[in-house]
Amino acid sequence: MRRPSGPSLTDVAKAAGVGTGTAGRALGGYGKVRPSTRAHVLAVAESMGYRPNRLAQGMIAGRTRTIGVVCADVESPFFSRMVRGISDVASENGYGTLLTNSDENVVLERDALEMLLESRVAGVVVTPADVHNVKHLKAAVADGFPVVLADRLTSVKADSVLIDSVAAMHEAVTALLKHGHRRVAILAELRSERDLAWQDEAGRSRRSGTPLSPSAARVAGYIQAHIEAGVPVDPELVRATREYSAEAATAETLELLSSSCAPTALIAADDVMSIGAYRAIVDARIRVPRDLSFVAFDDLPWLTLVKPQLSVVRQPVYEIGTRAATLLFERINGNVAKPRRVVLPYEFIARGSVASL
């Protein structure tokens, strides 16, 4: 293997007349070094054009100049945009970003978190795969490791950044009900057995603040909009894919549209559900909004490329990432305040995909 060009730490130590350990502490900014010695070593290193090995330096100091991200699904447009926000803030702070993917699987999430801890990242942003199964996250926080939660609310006592998913879906469904729709369907992931008990969870979350997955929270908003409008909820119109998959969303939507309980309006609970549902609408040759009104979740570029343009609940996805990373660096830099919950504003954008009945 070729030796990297430029002077090594040993070269700097020899030129400065100090030991390698002293030179490492002086250049890394850790440990005990007399101010005069530190200044001398820094001056010698600069004159020699020394470039420090940041990884080795961080391992000696106890952490690297990197942060970790445990992402639910890197293929999702939502999460890729969020990660871009995180990495931009990391770069501004002189840090790199290690990205891992959990595939919405809590076992993979635990493994990813363990790997990041072993890699001595300075902190981590996590989108929890299961908002109830969070012992590993609680353990990391209890050990003093900086953790910020993005997009999901849990019982972990850590900073979090998200939107109010209940309120966002409530507003969108209310808009459909005001247009005269009485058969409004919702397509959501609802992966866990607890999520599938959506009738009970909606009430419990309202009374006790029980953490809900994003899809369950949006179903709760759907239910509350119906209750306030005095419109009964037909359980056949609450459709679960049981997985975060556009293909599953397409299949579930096709089944819904061909059933005897076909809706007059359909709202998707996230970006992947939106893609799959709209594909089914096109495949079934259903005209929007003449045959079916449709509302998507997450404002992706393709929503304005189709005709008519699709109404949507817009989340500030990039800002979720930047705010989560900002909170993380505050913790890395010593902030010990109580955990903060940052709830960012959403926006319901009415376009041409909703008709009045």
Foldseek 3Di string as FASTA:
>chain_A
DDDDDFDDLCRLCVVLVHDSVQLLCLVLVDDDDPPVSSVSSVVSCVVRVHDDPQQVSQVVRQAGLEEEEEFADCVDPLRVLLVVLQQVLSVVVVGGYHYHYQVLPQVSVLVRVVVRVVSRHQAYEYAHSDQEPCPSVLVCVVVLGAYEYEQWDHPRQAAYEHAQLLQLLLVVLLVQVVLVWQFEAEEFALQDPVLVVLVVVLVCCVVPVHTDHQRSSSVSSNCVSCVVVVRDDDVLRYHHLNHQALCSLLVRLLVQCPDPSNGLEYEYRADSNLNSNVVNCVVVVPDFNVRHFYEYEADDPVQVVDPPRHWYKHDPSSVSNNVRSVSSVVSSVPDPDGHHYHHDDIDTGDTRRHHGD
